Every structure is written in structure tokens, then in C-alpha cells.
Amino acid sequence: MARNVTNPALQRKLISASVLALLTISGAASANQLADIKARGELVCGTLATTEPLGFTDAKTRKIVGFDVDICQGLADQLGVKMVQKSLSVEARIPELQIGRVDVLSAALGYTAEREKQIDFSSSHFQVPLKVLAPVAAGYKTLADLDGKRVGMTSGSTSEYWLRKSFPKIGVVTYHDSPSGFLALEQRKINGLAFAQTSGMRYLQAGKGKYAFIDQAISWEPNALGIKKNEPELLAAVNGALEKMEQDGQLEAIWNKWMGSETVYKIKREHKLEPIEQVRSSVK
């Protein structure tokens, strides 16, 4: 059942207040997380579980698989530890990282300046356009055609952030996850559904010709891994691992496995590993 979050800003404020209280009690901010990871021999990596092809449930094995999961495995291999995958909702990603229930986020995590106030970002390892999937019969050509209409997206997503920021005349309706939003689209409760194009391909196909992406992108989303604030050693280790994975072709191979020319997505990896400082200067 779709859950319409009528006041996501208030919800995030309440979650943030709870996180700050837990951090104060636990003293987690003073820990050396890289040393802890090495000591226990495992990297707890938070991913999504309903966002194909980034993190989703394999129908045969019932395990969580996908691009983000393979990135986690590659990172753990570089650090010389076991990878432990933990499924998270979009809303819970950052709070779970802040209170230390996961070590790293590899969870369709797009960079925004607002999020960077809460967590640190690794170098950006891929970028995707954020787009709106809409009924072909509606004839929408540009995002301006959606002024006064209702567009759904996952609560707390970068689609929500950029749509509110850049297209304030479009009505925003948020849901717990993309499947809930797609159900609302099918039931004609909303006029379009916004997400990263990679995530939206499965719904384009499920619509069997009823839907199409509006050509105009809401924004281009640089994705990165999330690290808790004040963990410079872990951040440096993660960036070093990503650099090695780029140099040895592993990032390219993971991309091709899940989103390349041999997949239903057929998306070329146009953006290579990019320092977050460079991303920061290009995202306003």
C-alpha cells in the first residue's frame, strides 16, 4: 500500500533529532571506524532492496544483489575484510549511518549540499539523469507541461530535492519506495513518477508501452558512497579503494554487468571516478 508522506521535512527533522541524541549518548563521533572495521573483520554496507539494478531482491536466490552491492563487495575486498550487506529504506539511510549501524552507504546515494552537512561523500563513481516517467497518452513533452500536476517519487530522494528546488510549480507526492509510487501511477493517482533513469527502466518495461520518459532531465545526479562525519581515515581508505577499482577496470566491469550494453538498460558509463570536490563545484 502506498504511504503518502504529507510532511517529509518534519519527518526528517524528527529523525535528525533522534540521531543527535543517540550520538551524544554513545559518543560514536569519537571512534576510529576504520580501525573498528579492521578489528572485527567485516564492513557493514547499507544498500537499498527495492531499487533495480542498484539494490534489489533476486527472485531465485532471495538475496539482495545489484550494482551497489557489488561496489560494496569490491570495497570490502580492497580493505581485506568480509562484506556484510544491510537493507535500508531511503529515509533511513543517513540516520543509520550516523548512529553507526552501517559503516558505509552504497544505496543510490546522490550528492547534494544539504546531505553533505550530515555525512561525508566519497569520490563520485557514477552519474545518472533524474527523469519523470509519464503516460504516453498524456503527451507531456517537457517538465513545464507538468506544472500544476502531481508527480510521485520516493520520500527523501534526490528526485524530491531537485524537483522541489528547480520546478516548484509541480506538485510533489512522496511514497515509501518506487513500487508504491508506480502503483499510484497505474491507478492514475499521480501524473508522473520521478527517479533516476536507471531505476525507472524496470517500470518503463512493466508498462508495456503505456509510459515514456520525458526527455528533459530534472537534474544529473552524481552518486557516491556515504561515510559518517569525522572519519578521515575511513574516507581516505574508501577513496583509495575506489581509485584502485577504477584503475584495474573493476568499476567498469560492475557497471557493464548491471547497466551496460548487454543489459536491458544499455547505458554507457560516460562519467568515470570524479573527486567529490569537483562534483561539489558543479552541483549548485
C-alpha atoms as a PDB file:
ATOM      1  CA  MET A   1       0.000   0.000   0.000  1.00  0.00           C
ATOM      2  CA  ALA A   2       1.352   3.433  -0.901  1.00  0.00           C
ATOM      3  CA  ARG A   3       2.240   5.658   2.024  1.00  0.00           C
ATOM      4  CA  ASN A   4       1.791   9.333   1.248  1.00  0.00           C
ATOM      5  CA  VAL A   5       4.224  11.334   3.387  1.00  0.00           C
ATOM      6  CA  THR A   6       2.450  14.639   3.811  1.00  0.00           C
ATOM      7  CA  ASN A   7       5.255  16.390   5.700  1.00  0.00           C
ATOM      8  CA  PRO A   8       8.611  14.812   4.827  1.00  0.00           C
ATOM      9  CA  ALA A   9      10.541  17.839   6.103  1.00  0.00           C
ATOM     10  CA  LEU A  10       9.077  17.412   9.599  1.00  0.00           C
ATOM     11  CA  GLN A  11       9.755  13.680   9.463  1.00  0.00           C
ATOM     12  CA  ARG A  12      13.411  14.248   8.613  1.00  0.00           C
ATOM     13  CA  LYS A  13      13.760  16.825  11.411  1.00  0.00           C
ATOM     14  CA  LEU A  14      12.395  14.327  13.946  1.00  0.00           C
ATOM     15  CA  ILE A  15      14.755  11.608  12.689  1.00  0.00           C
ATOM     16  CA  SER A  16      17.713  14.013  12.839  1.00  0.00           C
ATOM     17  CA  ALA A  17      16.872  14.989  16.420  1.00  0.00           C
ATOM     18  CA  SER A  18      16.799  11.323  17.440  1.00  0.00           C
ATOM     19  CA  VAL A  19      20.131  10.705  15.714  1.00  0.00           C
ATOM     20  CA  LEU A  20      21.801  13.606  17.509  1.00  0.00           C
ATOM     21  CA  ALA A  21      20.562  12.308  20.847  1.00  0.00           C
ATOM     22  CA  LEU A  22      21.928   8.825  20.154  1.00  0.00           C
ATOM     23  CA  LEU A  23      25.284  10.208  19.062  1.00  0.00           C
ATOM     24  CA  THR A  24      25.547  12.247  22.226  1.00  0.00           C
ATOM     25  CA  ILE A  25      24.780   9.238  24.410  1.00  0.00           C
ATOM     26  CA  SER A  26      27.032   6.777  22.625  1.00  0.00           C
ATOM     27  CA  GLY A  27      29.986   9.026  21.916  1.00  0.00           C
ATOM     28  CA  ALA A  28      30.134   7.410  18.476  1.00  0.00           C
ATOM     29  CA  ALA A  29      31.591  10.502  16.852  1.00  0.00           C
ATOM     30  CA  SER A  30      34.973   9.949  18.533  1.00  0.00           C
ATOM     31  CA  ALA A  31      35.556   6.403  17.254  1.00  0.00           C
ATOM     32  CA  ASN A  32      38.109   5.380  14.640  1.00  0.00           C
ATOM     33  CA  GLN A  33      35.752   3.475  12.390  1.00  0.00           C
ATOM     34  CA  LEU A  34      38.395   2.136  10.025  1.00  0.00           C
ATOM     35  CA  ALA A  35      40.224   0.535  12.947  1.00  0.00           C
ATOM     36  CA  ASP A  36      36.936  -0.939  14.173  1.00  0.00           C
ATOM     37  CA  ILE A  37      36.200  -2.409  10.737  1.00  0.00           C
ATOM     38  CA  LYS A  38      39.645  -3.991  10.538  1.00  0.00           C
ATOM     39  CA  ALA A  39      39.382  -5.319  14.102  1.00  0.00           C
ATOM     40  CA  ARG A  40      36.064  -7.076  13.593  1.00  0.00           C
ATOM     41  CA  GLY A  41      36.984  -8.184  10.069  1.00  0.00           C
ATOM     42  CA  GLU A  42      33.824  -7.010   8.353  1.00  0.00           C
ATOM     43  CA  LEU A  43      32.400  -3.994   6.563  1.00  0.00           C
ATOM     44  CA  VAL A  44      28.695  -3.397   7.178  1.00  0.00           C
ATOM     45  CA  CYS A  45      27.386  -1.835   3.998  1.00  0.00           C
ATOM     46  CA  GLY A  46      23.928  -0.285   3.743  1.00  0.00           C
ATOM     47  CA  THR A  47      22.099  -0.730   0.425  1.00  0.00           C
ATOM     48  CA  LEU A  48      18.556  -0.423  -0.838  1.00  0.00           C
ATOM     49  CA  ALA A  49      16.486  -3.533  -1.520  1.00  0.00           C
ATOM     50  CA  THR A  50      13.768  -2.340  -3.919  1.00  0.00           C
ATOM     51  CA  THR A  51      15.761  -0.320  -6.474  1.00  0.00           C
ATOM     52  CA  GLU A  52      16.754  -2.401  -9.506  1.00  0.00           C
ATOM     53  CA  PRO A  53      19.511  -2.602 -10.736  1.00  0.00           C
ATOM     54  CA  LEU A  54      21.269  -0.911  -7.781  1.00  0.00           C
ATOM     55  CA  GLY A  55      19.954  -2.985  -4.888  1.00  0.00           C
ATOM     56  CA  PHE A  56      17.076  -5.449  -5.159  1.00  0.00           C
ATOM     57  CA  THR A  57      15.958  -8.977  -4.256  1.00  0.00           C
ATOM     58  CA  ASP A  58      16.999 -11.709  -6.677  1.00  0.00           C
ATOM     59  CA  ALA A  59      13.837 -13.695  -7.456  1.00  0.00           C
ATOM     60  CA  LYS A  60      15.668 -17.041  -7.436  1.00  0.00           C
ATOM     61  CA  THR A  61      18.072 -16.728  -4.508  1.00  0.00           C
ATOM     62  CA  ARG A  62      16.078 -14.176  -2.438  1.00  0.00           C
ATOM     63  CA  LYS A  63      19.382 -12.412  -1.787  1.00  0.00           C
ATOM     64  CA  ILE A  64      19.941  -8.681  -2.219  1.00  0.00           C
ATOM     65  CA  VAL A  65      22.014  -8.105  -5.353  1.00  0.00           C
ATOM     66  CA  GLY A  66      22.862  -5.277  -7.713  1.00  0.00           C
ATOM     67  CA  PHE A  67      25.354  -2.628  -8.718  1.00  0.00           C
ATOM     68  CA  ASP A  68      25.592  -1.060  -5.245  1.00  0.00           C
ATOM     69  CA  VAL A  69      26.038  -4.469  -3.605  1.00  0.00           C
ATOM     70  CA  ASP A  70      28.911  -5.360  -5.942  1.00  0.00           C
ATOM     71  CA  ILE A  71      30.536  -1.995  -5.197  1.00  0.00           C
ATOM     72  CA  CYS A  72      30.337  -2.893  -1.503  1.00  0.00           C
ATOM     73  CA  GLN A  73      31.944  -6.267  -2.164  1.00  0.00           C
ATOM     74  CA  GLY A  74      34.759  -4.684  -4.140  1.00  0.00           C
ATOM     75  CA  LEU A  75      35.346  -2.157  -1.375  1.00  0.00           C
ATOM     76  CA  ALA A  76      35.444  -4.874   1.287  1.00  0.00           C
ATOM     77  CA  ASP A  77      37.884  -6.879  -0.816  1.00  0.00           C
ATOM     78  CA  GLN A  78      40.179  -3.859  -1.084  1.00  0.00           C
ATOM     79  CA  LEU A  79      40.046  -3.377   2.694  1.00  0.00           C
ATOM     80  CA  GLY A  80      40.709  -7.082   3.280  1.00  0.00           C
ATOM     81  CA  VAL A  81      37.515  -7.742   5.237  1.00  0.00           C
ATOM     82  CA  LYS A  82      34.203  -9.558   4.803  1.00  0.00           C
ATOM     83  CA  MET A  83      31.260  -7.634   3.353  1.00  0.00           C
ATOM     84  CA  VAL A  84      28.005  -7.682   5.334  1.00  0.00           C
ATOM     85  CA  GLN A  85      25.020  -6.259   3.443  1.00  0.00           C
ATOM     86  CA  LYS A  86      22.224  -4.499   5.341  1.00  0.00           C
ATOM     87  CA  SER A  87      18.999  -3.418   3.635  1.00  0.00           C
ATOM     88  CA  LEU A  88      17.800   0.119   4.322  1.00  0.00           C
ATOM     89  CA  SER A  89      14.926   2.341   3.242  1.00  0.00           C
ATOM     90  CA  VAL A  90      15.694   5.652   1.547  1.00  0.00           C
ATOM     91  CA  GLU A  91      14.583   7.617   4.610  1.00  0.00           C
ATOM     92  CA  ALA A  92      16.707   5.511   6.976  1.00  0.00           C
ATOM     93  CA  ARG A  93      19.960   5.618   5.000  1.00  0.00           C
ATOM     94  CA  ILE A  94      21.603   8.644   6.582  1.00  0.00           C
ATOM     95  CA  PRO A  95      20.299   8.122  10.150  1.00  0.00           C
ATOM     96  CA  GLU A  96      21.520   4.504  10.134  1.00  0.00           C
ATOM     97  CA  LEU A  97      24.969   5.670   9.023  1.00  0.00           C
ATOM     98  CA  GLN A  98      25.112   8.480  11.584  1.00  0.00           C
ATOM     99  CA  ILE A  99      24.365   6.226  14.550  1.00  0.00           C
ATOM    100  CA  GLY A 100      26.851   3.595  13.382  1.00  0.00           C
ATOM    101  CA  ARG A 101      24.570   0.739  12.381  1.00  0.00           C
ATOM    102  CA  VAL A 102      26.297   0.662   8.999  1.00  0.00           C
ATOM    103  CA  ASP A 103      29.860   1.634   8.112  1.00  0.00           C
ATOM    104  CA  VAL A 104      29.273   2.793   4.543  1.00  0.00           C
ATOM    105  CA  LEU A 105      26.275   3.659   2.380  1.00  0.00           C
ATOM    106  CA  SER A 106      26.176   2.286  -1.153  1.00  0.00           C
ATOM    107  CA  ALA A 107      22.498   2.984  -1.607  1.00  0.00           C
ATOM    108  CA  ALA A 108      21.630   5.014  -4.712  1.00  0.00           C
ATOM    109  CA  LEU A 109      23.093   7.940  -2.784  1.00  0.00           C
ATOM    110  CA  GLY A 110      23.088  11.091  -4.864  1.00  0.00           C
ATOM    111  CA  TYR A 111      25.226  14.023  -3.785  1.00  0.00           C
ATOM    112  CA  THR A 112      23.551  17.203  -2.551  1.00  0.00           C
ATOM    113  CA  ALA A 113      24.956  20.079  -0.493  1.00  0.00           C
ATOM    114  CA  GLU A 114      22.203  19.513   2.056  1.00  0.00           C
ATOM    115  CA  ARG A 115      23.227  15.887   2.583  1.00  0.00           C
ATOM    116  CA  GLU A 116      26.885  16.871   2.843  1.00  0.00           C
ATOM    117  CA  LYS A 117      26.021  18.805   6.001  1.00  0.00           C
ATOM    118  CA  GLN A 118      25.083  15.461   7.565  1.00  0.00           C
ATOM    119  CA  ILE A 119      27.604  12.985   6.123  1.00  0.00           C
ATOM    120  CA  ASP A 120      30.794  12.858   4.065  1.00  0.00           C
ATOM    121  CA  PHE A 121      30.852  11.636   0.476  1.00  0.00           C
ATOM    122  CA  SER A 122      33.462   9.569  -1.298  1.00  0.00           C
ATOM    123  CA  SER A 123      34.527  10.337  -4.842  1.00  0.00           C
ATOM    124  CA  SER A 124      31.594  10.011  -7.247  1.00  0.00           C
ATOM    125  CA  HIS A 125      31.733   6.684  -9.101  1.00  0.00           C
ATOM    126  CA  PHE A 126      28.780   7.212 -11.468  1.00  0.00           C
ATOM    127  CA  GLN A 127      26.202   9.750 -12.626  1.00  0.00           C
ATOM    128  CA  VAL A 128      22.664   9.270 -13.926  1.00  0.00           C
ATOM    129  CA  PRO A 129      19.901  11.614 -15.099  1.00  0.00           C
ATOM    130  CA  LEU A 130      16.830  12.076 -12.924  1.00  0.00           C
ATOM    131  CA  LYS A 131      13.726  11.829 -15.089  1.00  0.00           C
ATOM    132  CA  VAL A 132       9.932  11.644 -14.941  1.00  0.00           C
ATOM    133  CA  LEU A 133       8.090   8.609 -16.290  1.00  0.00           C
ATOM    134  CA  ALA A 134       4.653   9.629 -17.546  1.00  0.00           C
ATOM    135  CA  PRO A 135       1.753   8.163 -19.573  1.00  0.00           C
ATOM    136  CA  VAL A 136       2.356   8.362 -23.311  1.00  0.00           C
ATOM    137  CA  ALA A 137      -1.293   9.286 -23.810  1.00  0.00           C
ATOM    138  CA  ALA A 138      -0.824  12.460 -21.749  1.00  0.00           C
ATOM    139  CA  GLY A 139       1.514  13.885 -24.373  1.00  0.00           C
ATOM    140  CA  TYR A 140       3.909  15.596 -21.954  1.00  0.00           C
ATOM    141  CA  LYS A 141       6.958  16.917 -23.835  1.00  0.00           C
ATOM    142  CA  THR A 142       8.788  18.982 -21.191  1.00  0.00           C
ATOM    143  CA  LEU A 143       8.699  19.298 -17.432  1.00  0.00           C
ATOM    144  CA  ALA A 144       6.792  22.586 -17.818  1.00  0.00           C
ATOM    145  CA  ASP A 145       3.871  20.509 -19.089  1.00  0.00           C
ATOM    146  CA  LEU A 146       3.614  19.087 -15.550  1.00  0.00           C
ATOM    147  CA  ASP A 147       3.044  22.474 -13.892  1.00  0.00           C
ATOM    148  CA  GLY A 148       0.051  22.080 -11.607  1.00  0.00           C
ATOM    149  CA  LYS A 149       0.160  18.291 -11.961  1.00  0.00           C
ATOM    150  CA  ARG A 150       1.125  15.670  -9.358  1.00  0.00           C
ATOM    151  CA  VAL A 151       4.438  13.802  -9.623  1.00  0.00           C
ATOM    152  CA  GLY A 152       5.399  10.995  -7.266  1.00  0.00           C
ATOM    153  CA  MET A 153       8.824   9.957  -6.001  1.00  0.00           C
ATOM    154  CA  THR A 154      10.467   8.228  -3.047  1.00  0.00           C
ATOM    155  CA  SER A 155      10.477  10.333   0.106  1.00  0.00           C
ATOM    156  CA  GLY A 156      13.914  11.779   0.848  1.00  0.00           C
ATOM    157  CA  SER A 157      15.266  11.054  -2.640  1.00  0.00           C
ATOM    158  CA  THR A 158      17.292  13.448  -4.748  1.00  0.00           C
ATOM    159  CA  SER A 159      14.385  13.453  -7.203  1.00  0.00           C
ATOM    160  CA  GLU A 160      12.298  15.067  -4.485  1.00  0.00           C
ATOM    161  CA  TYR A 161      15.085  17.521  -3.596  1.00  0.00           C
ATOM    162  CA  TRP A 162      15.694  18.729  -7.160  1.00  0.00           C
ATOM    163  CA  LEU A 163      12.057  18.760  -8.220  1.00  0.00           C
ATOM    164  CA  ARG A 164      11.117  20.950  -5.252  1.00  0.00           C
ATOM    165  CA  LYS A 165      14.138  23.180  -5.824  1.00  0.00           C
ATOM    166  CA  SER A 166      14.033  23.586  -9.590  1.00  0.00           C
ATOM    167  CA  PHE A 167      10.384  23.014 -10.529  1.00  0.00           C
ATOM    168  CA  PRO A 168       8.246  24.455  -7.698  1.00  0.00           C
ATOM    169  CA  LYS A 169       5.086  24.588  -9.827  1.00  0.00           C
ATOM    170  CA  ILE A 170       4.948  20.787  -9.999  1.00  0.00           C
ATOM    171  CA  GLY A 171       3.066  19.102  -7.159  1.00  0.00           C
ATOM    172  CA  VAL A 172       5.163  16.640  -5.145  1.00  0.00           C
ATOM    173  CA  VAL A 173       3.687  13.404  -3.762  1.00  0.00           C
ATOM    174  CA  THR A 174       6.086  11.169  -1.840  1.00  0.00           C
ATOM    175  CA  TYR A 175       5.995   7.431  -1.227  1.00  0.00           C
ATOM    176  CA  HIS A 176       7.922   4.923   0.841  1.00  0.00           C
ATOM    177  CA  ASP A 177       9.524   3.381  -2.260  1.00  0.00           C
ATOM    178  CA  SER A 178       9.325   3.301  -6.047  1.00  0.00           C
ATOM    179  CA  PRO A 179       6.990   0.262  -6.261  1.00  0.00           C
ATOM    180  CA  SER A 180       4.436   2.164  -4.180  1.00  0.00           C
ATOM    181  CA  GLY A 181       4.804   5.173  -6.457  1.00  0.00           C
ATOM    182  CA  PHE A 182       4.383   3.047  -9.575  1.00  0.00           C
ATOM    183  CA  LEU A 183       1.193   1.547  -8.160  1.00  0.00           C
ATOM    184  CA  ALA A 184      -0.122   5.092  -7.702  1.00  0.00           C
ATOM    185  CA  LEU A 185       0.814   5.890 -11.312  1.00  0.00           C
ATOM    186  CA  GLU A 186      -1.004   2.789 -12.516  1.00  0.00           C
ATOM    187  CA  GLN A 187      -4.059   3.851 -10.509  1.00  0.00           C
ATOM    188  CA  ARG A 188      -3.851   7.364 -12.036  1.00  0.00           C
ATOM    189  CA  LYS A 189      -3.431   8.991  -8.634  1.00  0.00           C
ATOM    190  CA  ILE A 190      -0.379  10.860  -9.962  1.00  0.00           C
ATOM    191  CA  ASN A 191       0.589  12.187 -13.376  1.00  0.00           C
ATOM    192  CA  GLY A 192       4.190  11.009 -13.386  1.00  0.00           C
ATOM    193  CA  LEU A 193       6.851   9.229 -11.345  1.00  0.00           C
ATOM    194  CA  ALA A 194      10.356  10.636 -10.838  1.00  0.00           C
ATOM    195  CA  PHE A 195      13.558   8.688 -10.211  1.00  0.00           C
ATOM    196  CA  ALA A 196      16.987   8.023 -11.628  1.00  0.00           C
ATOM    197  CA  GLN A 197      16.618   6.730 -15.167  1.00  0.00           C
ATOM    198  CA  THR A 198      18.414   3.532 -14.244  1.00  0.00           C
ATOM    199  CA  SER A 199      15.867   2.797 -11.520  1.00  0.00           C
ATOM    200  CA  GLY A 200      12.957   3.733 -13.761  1.00  0.00           C
ATOM    201  CA  MET A 201      13.753   1.343 -16.616  1.00  0.00           C
ATOM    202  CA  ARG A 202      12.016  -1.602 -14.945  1.00  0.00           C
ATOM    203  CA  TYR A 203       8.802   0.435 -14.702  1.00  0.00           C
ATOM    204  CA  LEU A 204       9.103   1.613 -18.292  1.00  0.00           C
ATOM    205  CA  GLN A 205       9.224  -2.045 -19.316  1.00  0.00           C
ATOM    206  CA  ALA A 206       6.462  -3.077 -16.916  1.00  0.00           C
ATOM    207  CA  GLY A 207       4.190  -0.502 -18.523  1.00  0.00           C
ATOM    208  CA  LYS A 208       4.417  -2.312 -21.883  1.00  0.00           C
ATOM    209  CA  GLY A 209       4.302   0.844 -23.951  1.00  0.00           C
ATOM    210  CA  LYS A 210       1.962   2.872 -21.753  1.00  0.00           C
ATOM    211  CA  TYR A 211       4.720   5.071 -20.343  1.00  0.00           C
ATOM    212  CA  ALA A 212       7.737   7.014 -21.567  1.00  0.00           C
ATOM    213  CA  PHE A 213      10.430   9.195 -20.016  1.00  0.00           C
ATOM    214  CA  ILE A 214      10.109  12.931 -20.573  1.00  0.00           C
ATOM    215  CA  ASP A 215      13.296  13.840 -22.439  1.00  0.00           C
ATOM    216  CA  GLN A 216      14.149  16.804 -20.211  1.00  0.00           C
ATOM    217  CA  ALA A 217      16.053  15.720 -17.077  1.00  0.00           C
ATOM    218  CA  ILE A 218      15.190  17.116 -13.665  1.00  0.00           C
ATOM    219  CA  SER A 219      18.930  17.102 -12.958  1.00  0.00           C
ATOM    220  CA  TRP A 220      22.024  14.931 -13.367  1.00  0.00           C
ATOM    221  CA  GLU A 221      22.765  13.036 -10.180  1.00  0.00           C
ATOM    222  CA  PRO A 222      26.358  12.283  -9.129  1.00  0.00           C
ATOM    223  CA  ASN A 223      26.295   9.166  -6.936  1.00  0.00           C
ATOM    224  CA  ALA A 224      28.871   8.400  -4.264  1.00  0.00           C
ATOM    225  CA  LEU A 225      29.377   6.334  -1.136  1.00  0.00           C
ATOM    226  CA  GLY A 226      28.352   7.797   2.213  1.00  0.00           C
ATOM    227  CA  ILE A 227      30.707   7.938   5.206  1.00  0.00           C
ATOM    228  CA  LYS A 228      29.979   9.192   8.710  1.00  0.00           C
ATOM    229  CA  LYS A 229      31.330  12.650   9.511  1.00  0.00           C
ATOM    230  CA  ASN A 230      34.726  12.966  11.218  1.00  0.00           C
ATOM    231  CA  GLU A 231      36.122   9.664   9.941  1.00  0.00           C
ATOM    232  CA  PRO A 232      39.030  10.900   7.771  1.00  0.00           C
ATOM    233  CA  GLU A 233      40.927   7.593   7.811  1.00  0.00           C
ATOM    234  CA  LEU A 234      37.911   5.608   6.609  1.00  0.00           C
ATOM    235  CA  LEU A 235      37.093   8.224   3.976  1.00  0.00           C
ATOM    236  CA  ALA A 236      40.666   8.129   2.664  1.00  0.00           C
ATOM    237  CA  ALA A 237      40.628   4.309   2.619  1.00  0.00           C
ATOM    238  CA  VAL A 238      37.321   4.243   0.722  1.00  0.00           C
ATOM    239  CA  ASN A 239      38.557   6.753  -1.843  1.00  0.00           C
ATOM    240  CA  GLY A 240      41.793   4.797  -2.240  1.00  0.00           C
ATOM    241  CA  ALA A 241      39.858   1.585  -2.776  1.00  0.00           C
ATOM    242  CA  LEU A 242      37.610   3.206  -5.392  1.00  0.00           C
ATOM    243  CA  GLU A 243      40.653   4.576  -7.197  1.00  0.00           C
ATOM    244  CA  LYS A 244      42.188   1.093  -7.383  1.00  0.00           C
ATOM    245  CA  MET A 245      38.865  -0.333  -8.593  1.00  0.00           C
ATOM    246  CA  GLU A 246      38.770   2.309 -11.335  1.00  0.00           C
ATOM    247  CA  GLN A 247      42.369   1.671 -12.385  1.00  0.00           C
ATOM    248  CA  ASP A 248      42.010  -2.105 -12.598  1.00  0.00           C
ATOM    249  CA  GLY A 249      38.729  -1.910 -14.531  1.00  0.00           C
ATOM    250  CA  GLN A 250      36.524  -3.254 -11.744  1.00  0.00           C
ATOM    251  CA  LEU A 251      34.207  -0.225 -11.665  1.00  0.00           C
ATOM    252  CA  GLU A 252      33.737  -0.502 -15.416  1.00  0.00           C
ATOM    253  CA  ALA A 253      33.049  -4.239 -15.152  1.00  0.00           C
ATOM    254  CA  ILE A 254      30.456  -3.767 -12.415  1.00  0.00           C
ATOM    255  CA  TRP A 255      28.770  -1.039 -14.460  1.00  0.00           C
ATOM    256  CA  ASN A 256      28.683  -3.250 -17.561  1.00  0.00           C
ATOM    257  CA  LYS A 257      27.298  -6.175 -15.579  1.00  0.00           C
ATOM    258  CA  TRP A 258      24.292  -4.249 -14.297  1.00  0.00           C
ATOM    259  CA  MET A 259      23.749  -1.314 -16.669  1.00  0.00           C
ATOM    260  CA  GLY A 260      25.887  -1.808 -19.769  1.00  0.00           C
ATOM    261  CA  SER A 261      25.173  -2.750 -23.374  1.00  0.00           C
ATOM    262  CA  GLU A 262      24.406  -6.410 -22.561  1.00  0.00           C
ATOM    263  CA  THR A 263      21.640  -5.445 -20.090  1.00  0.00           C
ATOM    264  CA  VAL A 264      18.139  -4.097 -20.634  1.00  0.00           C
ATOM    265  CA  TYR A 265      19.398  -0.654 -19.581  1.00  0.00           C
ATOM    266  CA  LYS A 266      22.095  -0.272 -22.262  1.00  0.00           C
ATOM    267  CA  ILE A 267      23.606   2.811 -20.619  1.00  0.00           C
ATOM    268  CA  LYS A 268      27.156   3.858 -21.420  1.00  0.00           C
ATOM    269  CA  ARG A 269      29.295   4.840 -18.429  1.00  0.00           C
ATOM    270  CA  GLU A 270      30.181   8.346 -19.557  1.00  0.00           C
ATOM    271  CA  HIS A 271      31.425   9.637 -16.183  1.00  0.00           C
ATOM    272  CA  LYS A 272      34.438   7.980 -14.559  1.00  0.00           C
ATOM    273  CA  LEU A 273      35.526   8.325 -10.930  1.00  0.00           C
ATOM    274  CA  GLU A 274      35.397  12.014 -10.015  1.00  0.00           C
ATOM    275  CA  PRO A 275      36.710  13.691  -6.810  1.00  0.00           C
ATOM    276  CA  ILE A 276      33.890  14.997  -4.653  1.00  0.00           C
ATOM    277  CA  GLU A 277      35.498  18.457  -4.692  1.00  0.00           C
ATOM    278  CA  GLN A 278      34.914  18.591  -8.433  1.00  0.00           C
ATOM    279  CA  VAL A 279      31.344  17.377  -8.022  1.00  0.00           C
ATOM    280  CA  ARG A 280      30.706  19.965  -5.324  1.00  0.00           C
ATOM    281  CA  SER A 281      31.747  22.806  -7.600  1.00  0.00           C
ATOM    282  CA  SER A 282      29.440  21.629 -10.403  1.00  0.00           C
ATOM    283  CA  VAL A 283      26.303  20.974  -8.328  1.00  0.00           C
ATOM    284  CA  LYS A 284      24.547  24.138  -7.226  1.00  0.00           C
END
